[in-house]
Amino acid sequence: MTPSVSLLLLLLLGLSQAHPVQEEGIEDGTMDITTSILTSNNATDEILLEGDLVAPRTRNAMKCWSQSCLWKKASNGQVVVPFTLSREFSSMERQKIDRAMKAFARKTCIRFVPRQNQYDYISIENRGGCFSSLGRVGGRQVLSLNRGGCIQNGIIQHEINHALGFNHEQTRSDRDGYVRINWENINQGMAYNFYKKDTNNLNTPYDYSSIMHYGRTAFSIQRGRDSITPIPNSNVRIGQRQGMSYWDIMRINRLYRC
């Protein structure tokens, strides 16, 4: 399987407990990334898959058969992602978003640039939750960062990774060797959020510490009941929201051939 066959299904192969790459000014929160995102998304009227993915309107969410789902690489080797930023964000919030985006520039060939007249771009807005489309969808695509709960380094990077084409870690094709999905603790109407994808794992290991991995109580029917349990070591931490892990960065570089 080549990257161009499953560009929207990028999750990983093997076993890793790499720690997230620390960035200056990161919040020291104890709430896992799932709880933060899903709590914020209670206010949205968007149709969301897996909690924070905008349901596609123009193509199958599970397959991308060409380079059309990736952001384009310039002749200098940089992948340019134009963006606009809503005026609703305060100066401090703008600084946090800018800091989260600059982490990509320091460690990958991704470059976020203010939009001029580009047709394809990300519109970062203060909507009712934290959510994004998956990959480049064409034209203006909204990346929502609600001011009430989404302006955190890890959440910003999580949603940006979605926009770059990355799905959630726990839905990757080989996940059953690394996590157990406790279906009995999940409402039947929410079970679709845990279906495995036919992913291109980019020859990278399963990453418990990925910024794209949801926490152990995601969509649980009752507080204290785990929907996701790491195996064989159930004590492994999942759902961190500090920032991108080593393998998050590595897979961006592999997908975009940085």
C-alpha atoms as a PDB file:
ATOM      1  CA  MET A   1       0.000   0.000   0.000  1.00  0.00           C
ATOM      2  CA  THR A   2       1.428   3.410  -0.958  1.00  0.00           C
ATOM      3  CA  PRO A   3       0.742   6.736   0.750  1.00  0.00           C
ATOM      4  CA  SER A   4      -1.323   7.874  -2.236  1.00  0.00           C
ATOM      5  CA  VAL A   5      -3.707   4.949  -1.861  1.00  0.00           C
ATOM      6  CA  SER A   6      -4.936   5.708   1.639  1.00  0.00           C
ATOM      7  CA  LEU A   7      -3.846   9.239   2.356  1.00  0.00           C
ATOM      8  CA  LEU A   8      -6.674   9.919   4.748  1.00  0.00           C
ATOM      9  CA  LEU A   9      -6.086   6.754   6.754  1.00  0.00           C
ATOM     10  CA  LEU A  10      -2.646   7.327   8.017  1.00  0.00           C
ATOM     11  CA  LEU A  11      -2.386   5.556  11.318  1.00  0.00           C
ATOM     12  CA  LEU A  12       0.480   3.513  12.442  1.00  0.00           C
ATOM     13  CA  LEU A  13       2.180   0.095  12.750  1.00  0.00           C
ATOM     14  CA  GLY A  14       4.127  -1.382  15.699  1.00  0.00           C
ATOM     15  CA  LEU A  15       4.501  -0.398  19.321  1.00  0.00           C
ATOM     16  CA  SER A  16       5.719   2.862  20.829  1.00  0.00           C
ATOM     17  CA  GLN A  17       5.499   4.759  24.072  1.00  0.00           C
ATOM     18  CA  ALA A  18       7.379   7.821  22.868  1.00  0.00           C
ATOM     19  CA  HIS A  19       6.752  10.954  24.880  1.00  0.00           C
ATOM     20  CA  PRO A  20       5.218  14.061  23.306  1.00  0.00           C
ATOM     21  CA  VAL A  21       7.621  16.717  22.115  1.00  0.00           C
ATOM     22  CA  GLN A  22       7.429  19.536  24.628  1.00  0.00           C
ATOM     23  CA  GLU A  23       6.745  23.079  23.467  1.00  0.00           C
ATOM     24  CA  GLU A  24       7.096  26.242  25.493  1.00  0.00           C
ATOM     25  CA  GLY A  25       3.938  27.525  27.128  1.00  0.00           C
ATOM     26  CA  ILE A  26       2.001  24.244  27.006  1.00  0.00           C
ATOM     27  CA  GLU A  27      -0.860  23.956  29.482  1.00  0.00           C
ATOM     28  CA  ASP A  28      -0.434  21.410  32.288  1.00  0.00           C
ATOM     29  CA  GLY A  29      -3.962  19.966  32.215  1.00  0.00           C
ATOM     30  CA  THR A  30      -5.038  16.662  33.697  1.00  0.00           C
ATOM     31  CA  MET A  31      -8.120  16.253  31.507  1.00  0.00           C
ATOM     32  CA  ASP A  32      -7.468  13.939  28.546  1.00  0.00           C
ATOM     33  CA  ILE A  33      -7.831  15.221  25.025  1.00  0.00           C
ATOM     34  CA  THR A  34     -11.081  13.339  24.391  1.00  0.00           C
ATOM     35  CA  THR A  35     -12.842  14.857  27.369  1.00  0.00           C
ATOM     36  CA  SER A  36     -11.652  18.340  26.415  1.00  0.00           C
ATOM     37  CA  ILE A  37     -12.778  18.028  22.793  1.00  0.00           C
ATOM     38  CA  LEU A  38     -16.095  16.253  23.386  1.00  0.00           C
ATOM     39  CA  THR A  39     -17.035  18.653  26.177  1.00  0.00           C
ATOM     40  CA  SER A  40     -16.431  21.597  23.860  1.00  0.00           C
ATOM     41  CA  ASN A  41     -18.329  19.901  21.032  1.00  0.00           C
ATOM     42  CA  ASN A  42     -21.541  19.588  23.020  1.00  0.00           C
ATOM     43  CA  ALA A  43     -22.462  23.020  21.676  1.00  0.00           C
ATOM     44  CA  THR A  44     -22.028  22.281  17.970  1.00  0.00           C
ATOM     45  CA  ASP A  45     -24.745  21.446  15.461  1.00  0.00           C
ATOM     46  CA  GLU A  46     -22.234  20.027  12.978  1.00  0.00           C
ATOM     47  CA  ILE A  47     -22.483  16.378  11.945  1.00  0.00           C
ATOM     48  CA  LEU A  48     -19.237  15.003  13.362  1.00  0.00           C
ATOM     49  CA  LEU A  49     -17.584  11.614  13.015  1.00  0.00           C
ATOM     50  CA  GLU A  50     -15.454  10.221  15.868  1.00  0.00           C
ATOM     51  CA  GLY A  51     -16.250  13.322  17.871  1.00  0.00           C
ATOM     52  CA  ASP A  52     -14.409  16.004  15.889  1.00  0.00           C
ATOM     53  CA  LEU A  53     -14.279  15.118  12.166  1.00  0.00           C
ATOM     54  CA  VAL A  54     -16.582  17.026   9.838  1.00  0.00           C
ATOM     55  CA  ALA A  55     -18.654  14.530   7.856  1.00  0.00           C
ATOM     56  CA  PRO A  56     -17.505  14.724   4.217  1.00  0.00           C
ATOM     57  CA  ARG A  57     -20.001  16.010   1.684  1.00  0.00           C
ATOM     58  CA  THR A  58     -18.103  15.434  -1.536  1.00  0.00           C
ATOM     59  CA  ARG A  59     -16.109  12.218  -1.141  1.00  0.00           C
ATOM     60  CA  ASN A  60     -15.723   8.996   0.782  1.00  0.00           C
ATOM     61  CA  ALA A  61     -14.062   9.732   4.125  1.00  0.00           C
ATOM     62  CA  MET A  62     -12.247   6.421   4.153  1.00  0.00           C
ATOM     63  CA  LYS A  63     -10.326   6.503   0.862  1.00  0.00           C
ATOM     64  CA  CYS A  64      -8.259   8.969  -1.089  1.00  0.00           C
ATOM     65  CA  TRP A  65      -6.917   7.557  -4.313  1.00  0.00           C
ATOM     66  CA  SER A  66      -4.629  10.390  -5.408  1.00  0.00           C
ATOM     67  CA  GLN A  67      -2.575  13.321  -4.172  1.00  0.00           C
ATOM     68  CA  SER A  68      -5.743  15.457  -4.170  1.00  0.00           C
ATOM     69  CA  CYS A  69      -6.205  14.960  -0.412  1.00  0.00           C
ATOM     70  CA  LEU A  70      -2.777  16.354   0.455  1.00  0.00           C
ATOM     71  CA  TRP A  71      -1.692  19.956   0.605  1.00  0.00           C
ATOM     72  CA  LYS A  72       0.577  20.840  -2.281  1.00  0.00           C
ATOM     73  CA  LYS A  73       4.338  20.983  -2.053  1.00  0.00           C
ATOM     74  CA  ALA A  74       6.140  23.984  -3.530  1.00  0.00           C
ATOM     75  CA  SER A  75       9.270  23.776  -5.655  1.00  0.00           C
ATOM     76  CA  ASN A  76      11.399  24.565  -2.591  1.00  0.00           C
ATOM     77  CA  GLY A  77      10.153  21.407  -0.853  1.00  0.00           C
ATOM     78  CA  GLN A  78       7.861  23.206   1.570  1.00  0.00           C
ATOM     79  CA  VAL A  79       4.192  22.236   1.920  1.00  0.00           C
ATOM     80  CA  VAL A  80       2.278  25.502   2.014  1.00  0.00           C
ATOM     81  CA  VAL A  81      -1.042  25.579   3.890  1.00  0.00           C
ATOM     82  CA  PRO A  82      -2.794  28.950   3.561  1.00  0.00           C
ATOM     83  CA  PHE A  83      -5.032  29.973   6.441  1.00  0.00           C
ATOM     84  CA  THR A  84      -7.230  32.753   7.725  1.00  0.00           C
ATOM     85  CA  LEU A  85      -7.833  33.496  11.396  1.00  0.00           C
ATOM     86  CA  SER A  86     -11.101  34.903  12.719  1.00  0.00           C
ATOM     87  CA  ARG A  87     -11.024  38.354  14.272  1.00  0.00           C
ATOM     88  CA  GLU A  88     -13.026  36.942  17.180  1.00  0.00           C
ATOM     89  CA  PHE A  89      -9.828  35.530  18.693  1.00  0.00           C
ATOM     90  CA  SER A  90      -8.030  37.685  21.244  1.00  0.00           C
ATOM     91  CA  SER A  91      -4.391  38.638  20.931  1.00  0.00           C
ATOM     92  CA  MET A  92      -3.382  35.938  23.436  1.00  0.00           C
ATOM     93  CA  GLU A  93      -5.462  33.311  21.647  1.00  0.00           C
ATOM     94  CA  ARG A  94      -3.861  34.271  18.358  1.00  0.00           C
ATOM     95  CA  GLN A  95      -0.443  33.829  19.944  1.00  0.00           C
ATOM     96  CA  LYS A  96      -1.350  30.325  21.152  1.00  0.00           C
ATOM     97  CA  ILE A  97      -2.609  29.311  17.710  1.00  0.00           C
ATOM     98  CA  ASP A  98       0.494  30.801  16.085  1.00  0.00           C
ATOM     99  CA  ARG A  99       2.767  28.938  18.524  1.00  0.00           C
ATOM    100  CA  ALA A 100       1.020  25.632  17.821  1.00  0.00           C
ATOM    101  CA  MET A 101       1.383  26.129  14.057  1.00  0.00           C
ATOM    102  CA  LYS A 102       5.051  27.114  14.302  1.00  0.00           C
ATOM    103  CA  ALA A 103       5.815  23.752  15.930  1.00  0.00           C
ATOM    104  CA  PHE A 104       5.049  22.159  12.552  1.00  0.00           C
ATOM    105  CA  ALA A 105       7.494  24.488  10.804  1.00  0.00           C
ATOM    106  CA  ARG A 106      10.288  23.667  13.265  1.00  0.00           C
ATOM    107  CA  LYS A 107      10.026  19.923  12.799  1.00  0.00           C
ATOM    108  CA  THR A 108       8.415  19.281   9.388  1.00  0.00           C
ATOM    109  CA  CYS A 109       8.191  20.839   5.920  1.00  0.00           C
ATOM    110  CA  ILE A 110       4.669  22.128   6.654  1.00  0.00           C
ATOM    111  CA  ARG A 111       4.368  25.922   6.486  1.00  0.00           C
ATOM    112  CA  PHE A 112       1.205  27.754   7.520  1.00  0.00           C
ATOM    113  CA  VAL A 113       0.991  31.067   5.692  1.00  0.00           C
ATOM    114  CA  PRO A 114      -1.659  33.800   5.821  1.00  0.00           C
ATOM    115  CA  ARG A 115      -3.956  33.404   2.837  1.00  0.00           C
ATOM    116  CA  GLN A 116      -3.655  35.882   0.005  1.00  0.00           C
ATOM    117  CA  ASN A 117      -5.702  34.670  -2.950  1.00  0.00           C
ATOM    118  CA  GLN A 118      -5.222  30.896  -2.774  1.00  0.00           C
ATOM    119  CA  TYR A 119      -8.334  28.857  -3.562  1.00  0.00           C
ATOM    120  CA  ASP A 120      -7.673  26.083  -1.031  1.00  0.00           C
ATOM    121  CA  TYR A 121      -7.214  27.239   2.550  1.00  0.00           C
ATOM    122  CA  ILE A 122      -8.072  26.595   6.195  1.00  0.00           C
ATOM    123  CA  SER A 123     -10.410  29.050   7.868  1.00  0.00           C
ATOM    124  CA  ILE A 124      -9.743  28.947  11.638  1.00  0.00           C
ATOM    125  CA  GLU A 125     -12.941  30.052  13.336  1.00  0.00           C
ATOM    126  CA  ASN A 126     -14.573  30.313  16.751  1.00  0.00           C
ATOM    127  CA  ARG A 127     -17.453  27.902  16.214  1.00  0.00           C
ATOM    128  CA  GLY A 128     -19.315  25.599  18.586  1.00  0.00           C
ATOM    129  CA  GLY A 129     -16.539  23.142  19.329  1.00  0.00           C
ATOM    130  CA  CYS A 130     -13.185  21.719  18.214  1.00  0.00           C
ATOM    131  CA  PHE A 131     -13.390  20.062  14.788  1.00  0.00           C
ATOM    132  CA  SER A 132     -11.845  19.848  11.334  1.00  0.00           C
ATOM    133  CA  SER A 133     -12.226  18.225   7.951  1.00  0.00           C
ATOM    134  CA  LEU A 134      -9.956  15.314   7.086  1.00  0.00           C
ATOM    135  CA  GLY A 135      -7.189  16.299   4.675  1.00  0.00           C
ATOM    136  CA  ARG A 136      -7.440  18.967   1.980  1.00  0.00           C
ATOM    137  CA  VAL A 137     -11.017  19.024   0.740  1.00  0.00           C
ATOM    138  CA  GLY A 138     -10.780  21.942  -1.708  1.00  0.00           C
ATOM    139  CA  GLY A 139     -11.754  25.591  -1.309  1.00  0.00           C
ATOM    140  CA  ARG A 140     -12.425  27.059   2.115  1.00  0.00           C
ATOM    141  CA  GLN A 141     -12.488  24.482   4.898  1.00  0.00           C
ATOM    142  CA  VAL A 142     -13.354  25.376   8.458  1.00  0.00           C
ATOM    143  CA  LEU A 143     -11.173  24.368  11.381  1.00  0.00           C
ATOM    144  CA  SER A 144     -13.102  25.249  14.509  1.00  0.00           C
ATOM    145  CA  LEU A 145     -11.388  26.222  17.754  1.00  0.00           C
ATOM    146  CA  ASN A 146     -14.032  27.361  20.178  1.00  0.00           C
ATOM    147  CA  ARG A 147     -12.672  30.028  22.485  1.00  0.00           C
ATOM    148  CA  GLY A 148     -14.357  28.373  25.474  1.00  0.00           C
ATOM    149  CA  GLY A 149     -12.319  25.173  25.472  1.00  0.00           C
ATOM    150  CA  CYS A 150     -10.270  24.504  22.342  1.00  0.00           C
ATOM    151  CA  ILE A 151      -7.434  27.035  22.594  1.00  0.00           C
ATOM    152  CA  GLN A 152      -4.937  24.554  24.008  1.00  0.00           C
ATOM    153  CA  ASN A 153      -1.706  23.559  22.320  1.00  0.00           C
ATOM    154  CA  GLY A 154      -2.535  19.858  21.986  1.00  0.00           C
ATOM    155  CA  ILE A 155      -6.088  20.409  20.766  1.00  0.00           C
ATOM    156  CA  ILE A 156      -4.948  22.950  18.176  1.00  0.00           C
ATOM    157  CA  GLN A 157      -2.314  20.519  16.880  1.00  0.00           C
ATOM    158  CA  HIS A 158      -4.821  17.647  16.967  1.00  0.00           C
ATOM    159  CA  GLU A 159      -7.259  19.484  14.707  1.00  0.00           C
ATOM    160  CA  ILE A 160      -4.466  20.692  12.418  1.00  0.00           C
ATOM    161  CA  ASN A 161      -3.295  17.090  12.034  1.00  0.00           C
ATOM    162  CA  HIS A 162      -6.788  16.165  10.907  1.00  0.00           C
ATOM    163  CA  ALA A 163      -6.617  18.933   8.306  1.00  0.00           C
ATOM    164  CA  LEU A 164      -3.274  17.527   7.114  1.00  0.00           C
ATOM    165  CA  GLY A 165      -4.938  14.141   6.552  1.00  0.00           C
ATOM    166  CA  PHE A 166      -4.481  12.178   9.785  1.00  0.00           C
ATOM    167  CA  ASN A 167      -7.220  10.200  11.473  1.00  0.00           C
ATOM    168  CA  HIS A 168      -7.408   9.048  15.095  1.00  0.00           C
ATOM    169  CA  GLU A 169      -4.756   6.625  16.283  1.00  0.00           C
ATOM    170  CA  GLN A 170      -7.164   4.157  17.891  1.00  0.00           C
ATOM    171  CA  THR A 171      -8.970   3.544  14.568  1.00  0.00           C
ATOM    172  CA  ARG A 172      -5.894   2.304  12.695  1.00  0.00           C
ATOM    173  CA  SER A 173      -5.958  -1.135  11.108  1.00  0.00           C
ATOM    174  CA  ASP A 174      -3.689  -2.903  13.619  1.00  0.00           C
ATOM    175  CA  ARG A 175      -5.102  -1.373  16.792  1.00  0.00           C
ATOM    176  CA  ASP A 176      -6.446  -4.666  18.186  1.00  0.00           C
ATOM    177  CA  GLY A 177      -2.899  -5.675  19.068  1.00  0.00           C
ATOM    178  CA  TYR A 178      -2.430  -2.585  21.226  1.00  0.00           C
ATOM    179  CA  VAL A 179      -5.799  -1.534  22.639  1.00  0.00           C
ATOM    180  CA  ARG A 180      -8.989  -3.331  23.606  1.00  0.00           C
ATOM    181  CA  ILE A 181     -12.260  -1.644  22.686  1.00  0.00           C
ATOM    182  CA  ASN A 182     -14.746  -2.321  25.488  1.00  0.00           C
ATOM    183  CA  TRP A 183     -17.918  -2.443  23.405  1.00  0.00           C
ATOM    184  CA  GLU A 184     -20.046  -3.186  26.476  1.00  0.00           C
ATOM    185  CA  ASN A 185     -19.126   0.255  27.866  1.00  0.00           C
ATOM    186  CA  ILE A 186     -20.086   2.098  24.684  1.00  0.00           C
ATOM    187  CA  ASN A 187     -23.592   3.153  23.712  1.00  0.00           C
ATOM    188  CA  GLN A 188     -24.606   1.203  20.606  1.00  0.00           C
ATOM    189  CA  GLY A 189     -25.404   4.447  18.827  1.00  0.00           C
ATOM    190  CA  MET A 190     -21.814   5.612  19.357  1.00  0.00           C
ATOM    191  CA  ALA A 191     -20.091   2.343  18.397  1.00  0.00           C
ATOM    192  CA  TYR A 192     -19.341   3.589  14.861  1.00  0.00           C
ATOM    193  CA  ASN A 193     -16.789   5.962  16.367  1.00  0.00           C
ATOM    194  CA  PHE A 194     -14.557   2.966  17.139  1.00  0.00           C
ATOM    195  CA  TYR A 195     -14.703   1.097  13.842  1.00  0.00           C
ATOM    196  CA  LYS A 196     -11.276   0.297  12.443  1.00  0.00           C
ATOM    197  CA  LYS A 197     -10.123   1.922   9.204  1.00  0.00           C
ATOM    198  CA  ASP A 198      -8.206   0.414   6.300  1.00  0.00           C
ATOM    199  CA  THR A 199      -5.186   2.539   7.112  1.00  0.00           C
ATOM    200  CA  ASN A 200      -1.809   3.224   5.582  1.00  0.00           C
ATOM    201  CA  ASN A 201       0.394   3.052   8.661  1.00  0.00           C
ATOM    202  CA  LEU A 202       3.465   4.565   6.990  1.00  0.00           C
ATOM    203  CA  ASN A 203       5.747   1.933   8.559  1.00  0.00           C
ATOM    204  CA  THR A 204       5.535   3.651  11.926  1.00  0.00           C
ATOM    205  CA  PRO A 205       4.640   2.024  15.260  1.00  0.00           C
ATOM    206  CA  TYR A 206       1.359   2.235  17.120  1.00  0.00           C
ATOM    207  CA  ASP A 207       1.728   5.314  19.280  1.00  0.00           C
ATOM    208  CA  TYR A 208      -0.053   5.466  22.637  1.00  0.00           C
ATOM    209  CA  SER A 209       1.337   8.965  23.156  1.00  0.00           C
ATOM    210  CA  SER A 210       0.098  10.342  19.828  1.00  0.00           C
ATOM    211  CA  ILE A 211      -1.759  13.622  19.998  1.00  0.00           C
ATOM    212  CA  MET A 212      -4.287  11.812  17.780  1.00  0.00           C
ATOM    213  CA  HIS A 213      -5.063   9.086  20.344  1.00  0.00           C
ATOM    214  CA  TYR A 214      -8.295   9.469  22.274  1.00  0.00           C
ATOM    215  CA  GLY A 215      -8.497   8.881  26.014  1.00  0.00           C
ATOM    216  CA  ARG A 216      -9.690   5.745  27.745  1.00  0.00           C
ATOM    217  CA  THR A 217     -13.221   6.991  28.507  1.00  0.00           C
ATOM    218  CA  ALA A 218     -14.157   8.335  25.043  1.00  0.00           C
ATOM    219  CA  PHE A 219     -17.905   7.880  24.433  1.00  0.00           C
ATOM    220  CA  SER A 220     -18.230   5.761  27.584  1.00  0.00           C
ATOM    221  CA  ILE A 221     -21.771   5.089  28.795  1.00  0.00           C
ATOM    222  CA  GLN A 222     -20.808   5.786  32.398  1.00  0.00           C
ATOM    223  CA  ARG A 223     -18.138   7.697  34.241  1.00  0.00           C
ATOM    224  CA  GLY A 224     -15.338   5.412  35.364  1.00  0.00           C
ATOM    225  CA  ARG A 225     -15.902   2.779  32.678  1.00  0.00           C
ATOM    226  CA  ASP A 226     -13.164   2.574  30.080  1.00  0.00           C
ATOM    227  CA  SER A 227     -14.113   2.422  26.423  1.00  0.00           C
ATOM    228  CA  ILE A 228     -10.450   1.972  25.417  1.00  0.00           C
ATOM    229  CA  THR A 229      -7.925  -0.087  27.397  1.00  0.00           C
ATOM    230  CA  PRO A 230      -4.253  -0.329  26.369  1.00  0.00           C
ATOM    231  CA  ILE A 231      -2.893  -3.882  26.158  1.00  0.00           C
ATOM    232  CA  PRO A 232      -0.964  -5.680  27.499  1.00  0.00           C
ATOM    233  CA  ASN A 233      -0.189  -2.869  29.978  1.00  0.00           C
ATOM    234  CA  SER A 234      -3.497  -1.274  30.935  1.00  0.00           C
ATOM    235  CA  ASN A 235      -1.683   1.507  32.801  1.00  0.00           C
ATOM    236  CA  VAL A 236      -0.178   3.079  29.683  1.00  0.00           C
ATOM    237  CA  ARG A 237      -1.322   6.656  29.339  1.00  0.00           C
ATOM    238  CA  ILE A 238      -3.434   7.570  26.318  1.00  0.00           C
ATOM    239  CA  GLY A 239      -5.149  10.811  25.336  1.00  0.00           C
ATOM    240  CA  GLN A 240      -2.401  13.298  26.197  1.00  0.00           C
ATOM    241  CA  ARG A 241      -3.000  16.865  25.035  1.00  0.00           C
ATOM    242  CA  GLN A 242       0.412  18.463  25.457  1.00  0.00           C
ATOM    243  CA  GLY A 243       1.682  18.341  21.897  1.00  0.00           C
ATOM    244  CA  MET A 244       2.816  16.156  19.016  1.00  0.00           C
ATOM    245  CA  SER A 245       4.774  13.025  19.832  1.00  0.00           C
ATOM    246  CA  TYR A 246       7.936  11.914  18.048  1.00  0.00           C
ATOM    247  CA  TRP A 247       5.906   9.607  15.805  1.00  0.00           C
ATOM    248  CA  ASP A 248       3.283  12.278  15.070  1.00  0.00           C
ATOM    249  CA  ILE A 249       6.104  14.368  13.639  1.00  0.00           C
ATOM    250  CA  MET A 250       7.726  11.426  11.883  1.00  0.00           C
ATOM    251  CA  ARG A 251       4.569  10.394  10.062  1.00  0.00           C
ATOM    252  CA  ILE A 252       3.938  13.944   8.821  1.00  0.00           C
ATOM    253  CA  ASN A 253       7.430  13.929   7.367  1.00  0.00           C
ATOM    254  CA  ARG A 254       6.876  10.522   5.777  1.00  0.00           C
ATOM    255  CA  LEU A 255       3.469  11.315   4.321  1.00  0.00           C
ATOM    256  CA  TYR A 256       4.569  14.632   2.831  1.00  0.00           C
ATOM    257  CA  ARG A 257       8.055  13.343   2.031  1.00  0.00           C
ATOM    258  CA  CYS A 258       9.691  16.212   3.840  1.00  0.00           C
END
